[in-house]
């Protein structure tokens, strides 16, 4: 049986998804379902498409927050 471990970047993304779920009030499992990983030398890393997706989502949330704050 092949042993695969989580790389530090994958662990950091999991932590970020948990934080995102807390901030947005969404279910942690829904956030974790968005995570896609790639295997390199038996270590899991975030897939580049996932990294691009999550960065875009966070930037949109920040823009929405700035817009709400400006309207207040």
PDB file of N, CA and C in Angstrom:
ATOM      1  N   UNK A   1       0.847  -1.174   0.000  1.00  0.00           N
ATOM      2  CA  UNK A   1       0.000   0.000   0.000  1.00  0.00           C
ATOM      3  C   UNK A   1       0.895   1.241   0.000  1.00  0.00           C
ATOM      4  N   UNK A   2       0.535   2.197  -0.859  1.00  0.00           N
ATOM      5  CA  UNK A   2       1.318   3.413  -0.984  1.00  0.00           C
ATOM      6  C   UNK A   2       1.002   4.385   0.145  1.00  0.00           C
ATOM      7  N   UNK A   3       2.031   4.991   0.718  1.00  0.00           N
ATOM      8  CA  UNK A   3       1.862   5.983   1.768  1.00  0.00           C
ATOM      9  C   UNK A   3       1.987   7.371   1.152  1.00  0.00           C
ATOM     10  N   UNK A   4       0.962   8.201   1.380  1.00  0.00           N
ATOM     11  CA  UNK A   4       0.964   9.570   0.876  1.00  0.00           C
ATOM     12  C   UNK A   4       0.742  10.493   2.073  1.00  0.00           C
ATOM     13  N   UNK A   5       1.530  11.554   2.158  1.00  0.00           N
ATOM     14  CA  UNK A   5       1.402  12.492   3.272  1.00  0.00           C
ATOM     15  C   UNK A   5       0.976  13.872   2.762  1.00  0.00           C
ATOM     16  N   UNK A   6       0.499  14.690   3.684  1.00  0.00           N
ATOM     17  CA  UNK A   6       0.135  16.067   3.352  1.00  0.00           C
ATOM     18  C   UNK A   6       1.366  16.954   3.451  1.00  0.00           C
ATOM     19  N   UNK A   7       1.611  17.707   2.416  1.00  0.00           N
ATOM     20  CA  UNK A   7       2.692  18.688   2.458  1.00  0.00           C
ATOM     21  C   UNK A   7       2.246  19.915   3.233  1.00  0.00           C
ATOM     22  N   UNK A   8       3.197  20.701   3.698  1.00  0.00           N
ATOM     23  CA  UNK A   8       2.876  21.902   4.457  1.00  0.00           C
ATOM     24  C   UNK A   8       1.941  22.851   3.703  1.00  0.00           C
ATOM     25  N   UNK A   9       2.119  23.049   2.382  1.00  0.00           N
ATOM     26  CA  UNK A   9       1.182  23.923   1.676  1.00  0.00           C
ATOM     27  C   UNK A   9      -0.261  23.398   1.704  1.00  0.00           C
ATOM     28  N   UNK A  10      -0.435  22.086   1.652  1.00  0.00           N
ATOM     29  CA  UNK A  10      -1.782  21.503   1.718  1.00  0.00           C
ATOM     30  C   UNK A  10      -2.387  21.727   3.101  1.00  0.00           C
ATOM     31  N   UNK A  11      -1.581  21.568   4.129  1.00  0.00           N
ATOM     32  CA  UNK A  11      -2.064  21.806   5.495  1.00  0.00           C
ATOM     33  C   UNK A  11      -2.446  23.271   5.668  1.00  0.00           C
ATOM     34  N   UNK A  12      -1.651  24.170   5.109  1.00  0.00           N
ATOM     35  CA  UNK A  12      -1.960  25.601   5.188  1.00  0.00           C
ATOM     36  C   UNK A  12      -3.274  25.915   4.480  1.00  0.00           C
ATOM     37  N   UNK A  13      -3.537  25.261   3.356  1.00  0.00           N
ATOM     38  CA  UNK A  13      -4.792  25.496   2.637  1.00  0.00           C
ATOM     39  C   UNK A  13      -5.985  24.968   3.429  1.00  0.00           C
ATOM     40  N   UNK A  14      -5.815  23.842   4.090  1.00  0.00           N
ATOM     41  CA  UNK A  14      -6.899  23.312   4.932  1.00  0.00           C
ATOM     42  C   UNK A  14      -7.208  24.304   6.048  1.00  0.00           C
ATOM     43  N   UNK A  15      -6.176  24.849   6.678  1.00  0.00           N
ATOM     44  CA  UNK A  15      -6.380  25.838   7.736  1.00  0.00           C
ATOM     45  C   UNK A  15      -7.088  27.067   7.181  1.00  0.00           C
ATOM     46  N   UNK A  16      -6.701  27.499   5.990  1.00  0.00           N
ATOM     47  CA  UNK A  16      -7.324  28.670   5.380  1.00  0.00           C
ATOM     48  C   UNK A  16      -8.791  28.401   5.056  1.00  0.00           C
ATOM     49  N   UNK A  17      -9.102  27.193   4.613  1.00  0.00           N
ATOM     50  CA  UNK A  17     -10.494  26.846   4.318  1.00  0.00           C
ATOM     51  C   UNK A  17     -11.340  26.825   5.588  1.00  0.00           C
ATOM     52  N   UNK A  18     -10.772  26.349   6.688  1.00  0.00           N
ATOM     53  CA  UNK A  18     -11.496  26.373   7.963  1.00  0.00           C
ATOM     54  C   UNK A  18     -11.757  27.824   8.376  1.00  0.00           C
ATOM     55  N   UNK A  19     -10.750  28.679   8.248  1.00  0.00           N
ATOM     56  CA  UNK A  19     -10.923  30.093   8.576  1.00  0.00           C
ATOM     57  C   UNK A  19     -11.974  30.740   7.683  1.00  0.00           C
ATOM     58  N   UNK A  20     -11.948  30.414   6.407  1.00  0.00           N
ATOM     59  CA  UNK A  20     -12.921  30.961   5.455  1.00  0.00           C
ATOM     60  C   UNK A  20     -14.341  30.535   5.826  1.00  0.00           C
ATOM     61  N   UNK A  21     -14.490  29.295   6.234  1.00  0.00           N
ATOM     62  CA  UNK A  21     -15.807  28.807   6.648  1.00  0.00           C
ATOM     63  C   UNK A  21     -16.299  29.571   7.868  1.00  0.00           C
ATOM     64  N   UNK A  22     -15.419  29.827   8.804  1.00  0.00           N
ATOM     65  CA  UNK A  22     -15.803  30.567  10.009  1.00  0.00           C
ATOM     66  C   UNK A  22     -16.202  31.995   9.647  1.00  0.00           C
ATOM     67  N   UNK A  23     -15.406  32.646   8.802  1.00  0.00           N
ATOM     68  CA  UNK A  23     -15.680  34.033   8.430  1.00  0.00           C
ATOM     69  C   UNK A  23     -16.961  34.190   7.616  1.00  0.00           C
ATOM     70  N   UNK A  24     -17.247  33.219   6.762  1.00  0.00           N
ATOM     71  CA  UNK A  24     -18.413  33.330   5.880  1.00  0.00           C
ATOM     72  C   UNK A  24     -19.650  32.650   6.440  1.00  0.00           C
ATOM     73  N   UNK A  25     -19.484  31.880   7.502  1.00  0.00           N
ATOM     74  CA  UNK A  25     -20.628  31.169   8.074  1.00  0.00           C
ATOM     75  C   UNK A  25     -21.044  29.963   7.251  1.00  0.00           C
ATOM     76  N   UNK A  26     -20.145  29.468   6.418  1.00  0.00           N
ATOM     77  CA  UNK A  26     -20.445  28.292   5.613  1.00  0.00           C
ATOM     78  C   UNK A  26     -19.942  27.039   6.318  1.00  0.00           C
ATOM     79  N   UNK A  27     -20.424  25.915   5.870  1.00  0.00           N
ATOM     80  CA  UNK A  27     -20.045  24.637   6.460  1.00  0.00           C
ATOM     81  C   UNK A  27     -18.595  24.308   6.087  1.00  0.00           C
ATOM     82  N   UNK A  28     -17.822  23.887   7.058  1.00  0.00           N
ATOM     83  CA  UNK A  28     -16.418  23.539   6.817  1.00  0.00           C
ATOM     84  C   UNK A  28     -16.310  22.438   5.766  1.00  0.00           C
ATOM     85  N   UNK A  29     -17.210  21.463   5.815  1.00  0.00           N
ATOM     86  CA  UNK A  29     -17.126  20.369   4.842  1.00  0.00           C
ATOM     87  C   UNK A  29     -17.349  20.874   3.426  1.00  0.00           C
ATOM     88  N   UNK A  30     -18.225  21.859   3.258  1.00  0.00           N
ATOM     89  CA  UNK A  30     -18.428  22.437   1.925  1.00  0.00           C
ATOM     90  C   UNK A  30     -17.159  23.114   1.432  1.00  0.00           C
ATOM     91  N   UNK A  31     -16.482  23.817   2.327  1.00  0.00           N
ATOM     92  CA  UNK A  31     -15.227  24.455   1.952  1.00  0.00           C
ATOM     93  C   UNK A  31     -14.163  23.409   1.601  1.00  0.00           C
ATOM     94  N   UNK A  32     -14.074  22.361   2.413  1.00  0.00           N
ATOM     95  CA  UNK A  32     -13.061  21.330   2.162  1.00  0.00           C
ATOM     96  C   UNK A  32     -13.309  20.585   0.857  1.00  0.00           C
ATOM     97  N   UNK A  33     -14.566  20.476   0.444  1.00  0.00           N
ATOM     98  CA  UNK A  33     -14.869  19.808  -0.831  1.00  0.00           C
ATOM     99  C   UNK A  33     -14.285  20.548  -2.032  1.00  0.00           C
ATOM    100  N   UNK A  34     -13.991  21.827  -1.873  1.00  0.00           N
ATOM    101  CA  UNK A  34     -13.419  22.593  -2.982  1.00  0.00           C
ATOM    102  C   UNK A  34     -11.929  22.306  -3.170  1.00  0.00           C
ATOM    103  N   UNK A  35     -11.298  21.721  -2.170  1.00  0.00           N
ATOM    104  CA  UNK A  35      -9.856  21.478  -2.207  1.00  0.00           C
ATOM    105  C   UNK A  35      -9.506  20.407  -3.227  1.00  0.00           C
ATOM    106  N   UNK A  36      -8.597  20.733  -4.117  1.00  0.00           N
ATOM    107  CA  UNK A  36      -8.060  19.729  -5.035  1.00  0.00           C
ATOM    108  C   UNK A  36      -6.550  19.678  -4.845  1.00  0.00           C
ATOM    109  N   UNK A  37      -6.041  18.466  -4.882  1.00  0.00           N
ATOM    110  CA  UNK A  37      -4.634  18.235  -4.572  1.00  0.00           C
ATOM    111  C   UNK A  37      -3.935  17.513  -5.715  1.00  0.00           C
ATOM    112  N   UNK A  38      -2.636  17.594  -5.705  1.00  0.00           N
ATOM    113  CA  UNK A  38      -1.814  16.870  -6.650  1.00  0.00           C
ATOM    114  C   UNK A  38      -0.737  16.128  -5.860  1.00  0.00           C
ATOM    115  N   UNK A  39      -0.266  15.014  -6.403  1.00  0.00           N
ATOM    116  CA  UNK A  39       0.738  14.198  -5.721  1.00  0.00           C
ATOM    117  C   UNK A  39       2.093  14.394  -6.397  1.00  0.00           C
ATOM    118  N   UNK A  40       3.089  14.715  -5.574  1.00  0.00           N
ATOM    119  CA  UNK A  40       4.470  14.806  -6.052  1.00  0.00           C
ATOM    120  C   UNK A  40       5.352  14.073  -5.053  1.00  0.00           C
ATOM    121  N   UNK A  41       6.001  13.039  -5.500  1.00  0.00           N
ATOM    122  CA  UNK A  41       6.885  12.253  -4.635  1.00  0.00           C
ATOM    123  C   UNK A  41       6.186  11.790  -3.357  1.00  0.00           C
ATOM    124  N   UNK A  42       4.976  11.274  -3.515  1.00  0.00           N
ATOM    125  CA  UNK A  42       4.163  10.744  -2.412  1.00  0.00           C
ATOM    126  C   UNK A  42       3.765  11.801  -1.380  1.00  0.00           C
ATOM    127  N   UNK A  43       3.745  13.061  -1.784  1.00  0.00           N
ATOM    128  CA  UNK A  43       3.309  14.160  -0.923  1.00  0.00           C
ATOM    129  C   UNK A  43       2.208  14.919  -1.654  1.00  0.00           C
ATOM    130  N   UNK A  44       1.127  15.226  -0.922  1.00  0.00           N
ATOM    131  CA  UNK A  44       0.015  15.971  -1.500  1.00  0.00           C
ATOM    132  C   UNK A  44       0.249  17.473  -1.385  1.00  0.00           C
ATOM    133  N   UNK A  45       0.017  18.171  -2.498  1.00  0.00           N
ATOM    134  CA  UNK A  45       0.130  19.626  -2.564  1.00  0.00           C
ATOM    135  C   UNK A  45      -1.134  20.181  -3.195  1.00  0.00           C
ATOM    136  N   UNK A  46      -1.480  21.442  -2.891  1.00  0.00           N
ATOM    137  CA  UNK A  46      -2.639  22.035  -3.540  1.00  0.00           C
ATOM    138  C   UNK A  46      -2.425  22.096  -5.057  1.00  0.00           C
ATOM    139  N   UNK A  47      -3.476  21.776  -5.787  1.00  0.00           N
ATOM    140  CA  UNK A  47      -3.406  21.869  -7.248  1.00  0.00           C
ATOM    141  C   UNK A  47      -3.366  23.351  -7.626  1.00  0.00           C
ATOM    142  N   UNK A  48      -2.584  23.729  -8.633  1.00  0.00           N
ATOM    143  CA  UNK A  48      -2.510  25.148  -9.023  1.00  0.00           C
ATOM    144  C   UNK A  48      -3.877  25.761  -9.345  1.00  0.00           C
ATOM    145  N   UNK A  49      -4.783  24.983  -9.926  1.00  0.00           N
ATOM    146  CA  UNK A  49      -6.126  25.499 -10.210  1.00  0.00           C
ATOM    147  C   UNK A  49      -6.861  25.851  -8.921  1.00  0.00           C
ATOM    148  N   UNK A  50      -6.677  25.050  -7.894  1.00  0.00           N
ATOM    149  CA  UNK A  50      -7.314  25.334  -6.608  1.00  0.00           C
ATOM    150  C   UNK A  50      -6.761  26.624  -6.026  1.00  0.00           C
ATOM    151  N   UNK A  51      -5.452  26.777  -6.065  1.00  0.00           N
ATOM    152  CA  UNK A  51      -4.818  27.976  -5.516  1.00  0.00           C
ATOM    153  C   UNK A  51      -5.360  29.225  -6.216  1.00  0.00           C
ATOM    154  N   UNK A  52      -5.488  29.160  -7.519  1.00  0.00           N
ATOM    155  CA  UNK A  52      -6.033  30.283  -8.283  1.00  0.00           C
ATOM    156  C   UNK A  52      -7.489  30.551  -7.880  1.00  0.00           C
ATOM    157  N   UNK A  53      -8.275  29.490  -7.746  1.00  0.00           N
ATOM    158  CA  UNK A  53      -9.682  29.615  -7.362  1.00  0.00           C
ATOM    159  C   UNK A  53      -9.834  30.247  -5.982  1.00  0.00           C
ATOM    160  N   UNK A  54      -9.092  29.760  -5.001  1.00  0.00           N
ATOM    161  CA  UNK A  54      -9.266  30.245  -3.628  1.00  0.00           C
ATOM    162  C   UNK A  54      -8.779  31.682  -3.494  1.00  0.00           C
ATOM    163  N   UNK A  55      -7.698  32.036  -4.180  1.00  0.00           N
ATOM    164  CA  UNK A  55      -7.220  33.413  -4.147  1.00  0.00           C
ATOM    165  C   UNK A  55      -8.277  34.350  -4.737  1.00  0.00           C
ATOM    166  N   UNK A  56      -8.905  33.931  -5.835  1.00  0.00           N
ATOM    167  CA  UNK A  56      -9.964  34.731  -6.446  1.00  0.00           C
ATOM    168  C   UNK A  56     -11.159  34.885  -5.522  1.00  0.00           C
ATOM    169  N   UNK A  57     -11.530  33.818  -4.831  1.00  0.00           N
ATOM    170  CA  UNK A  57     -12.662  33.865  -3.896  1.00  0.00           C
ATOM    171  C   UNK A  57     -12.382  34.816  -2.739  1.00  0.00           C
ATOM    172  N   UNK A  58     -11.185  34.752  -2.202  1.00  0.00           N
ATOM    173  CA  UNK A  58     -10.823  35.620  -1.082  1.00  0.00           C
ATOM    174  C   UNK A  58     -10.769  37.082  -1.531  1.00  0.00           C
ATOM    175  N   UNK A  59     -10.221  37.325  -2.711  1.00  0.00           N
ATOM    176  CA  UNK A  59     -10.175  38.696  -3.225  1.00  0.00           C
ATOM    177  C   UNK A  59     -11.574  39.255  -3.438  1.00  0.00           C
ATOM    178  N   UNK A  60     -12.495  38.419  -3.923  1.00  0.00           N
ATOM    179  CA  UNK A  60     -13.879  38.863  -4.114  1.00  0.00           C
ATOM    180  C   UNK A  60     -14.525  39.183  -2.776  1.00  0.00           C
ATOM    181  N   UNK A  61     -14.291  38.362  -1.764  1.00  0.00           N
ATOM    182  CA  UNK A  61     -14.825  38.642  -0.438  1.00  0.00           C
ATOM    183  C   UNK A  61     -14.294  39.966   0.108  1.00  0.00           C
ATOM    184  N   UNK A  62     -13.016  40.229  -0.104  1.00  0.00           N
ATOM    185  CA  UNK A  62     -12.426  41.484   0.357  1.00  0.00           C
ATOM    186  C   UNK A  62     -13.038  42.680  -0.368  1.00  0.00           C
ATOM    187  N   UNK A  63     -13.234  42.545  -1.672  1.00  0.00           N
ATOM    188  CA  UNK A  63     -13.854  43.627  -2.443  1.00  0.00           C
ATOM    189  C   UNK A  63     -15.287  43.866  -1.976  1.00  0.00           C
ATOM    190  N   UNK A  64     -16.029  42.797  -1.734  1.00  0.00           N
ATOM    191  CA  UNK A  64     -17.408  42.923  -1.238  1.00  0.00           C
ATOM    192  C   UNK A  64     -17.437  43.611   0.120  1.00  0.00           C
ATOM    193  N   UNK A  65     -16.489  43.279   0.994  1.00  0.00           N
ATOM    194  CA  UNK A  65     -16.424  43.887   2.320  1.00  0.00           C
ATOM    195  C   UNK A  65     -16.113  45.366   2.209  1.00  0.00           C
ATOM    196  N   UNK A  66     -15.196  45.725   1.304  1.00  0.00           N
ATOM    197  CA  UNK A  66     -14.848  47.141   1.106  1.00  0.00           C
ATOM    198  C   UNK A  66     -16.044  47.919   0.568  1.00  0.00           C
ATOM    199  N   UNK A  67     -16.803  47.305  -0.337  1.00  0.00           N
ATOM    200  CA  UNK A  67     -17.980  47.962  -0.891  1.00  0.00           C
ATOM    201  C   UNK A  67     -19.034  48.181   0.189  1.00  0.00           C
ATOM    202  N   UNK A  68     -19.258  47.183   1.012  1.00  0.00           N
ATOM    203  CA  UNK A  68     -20.234  47.307   2.106  1.00  0.00           C
ATOM    204  C   UNK A  68     -19.794  48.391   3.090  1.00  0.00           C
ATOM    205  N   UNK A  69     -18.502  48.404   3.397  1.00  0.00           N
ATOM    206  CA  UNK A  69     -17.985  49.396   4.342  1.00  0.00           C
ATOM    207  C   UNK A  69     -18.128  50.803   3.766  1.00  0.00           C
ATOM    208  N   UNK A  70     -17.886  50.967   2.477  1.00  0.00           N
ATOM    209  CA  UNK A  70     -17.994  52.287   1.845  1.00  0.00           C
ATOM    210  C   UNK A  70     -19.445  52.772   1.832  1.00  0.00           C
ATOM    211  N   UNK A  71     -20.383  51.847   1.747  1.00  0.00           N
ATOM    212  CA  UNK A  71     -21.796  52.212   1.706  1.00  0.00           C
ATOM    213  C   UNK A  71     -22.344  52.537   3.090  1.00  0.00           C
ATOM    214  N   UNK A  72     -21.652  52.134   4.124  1.00  0.00           N
ATOM    215  CA  UNK A  72     -22.157  52.336   5.491  1.00  0.00           C
ATOM    216  C   UNK A  72     -21.950  53.750   5.983  1.00  0.00           C
TER     217      UNK A  72
END
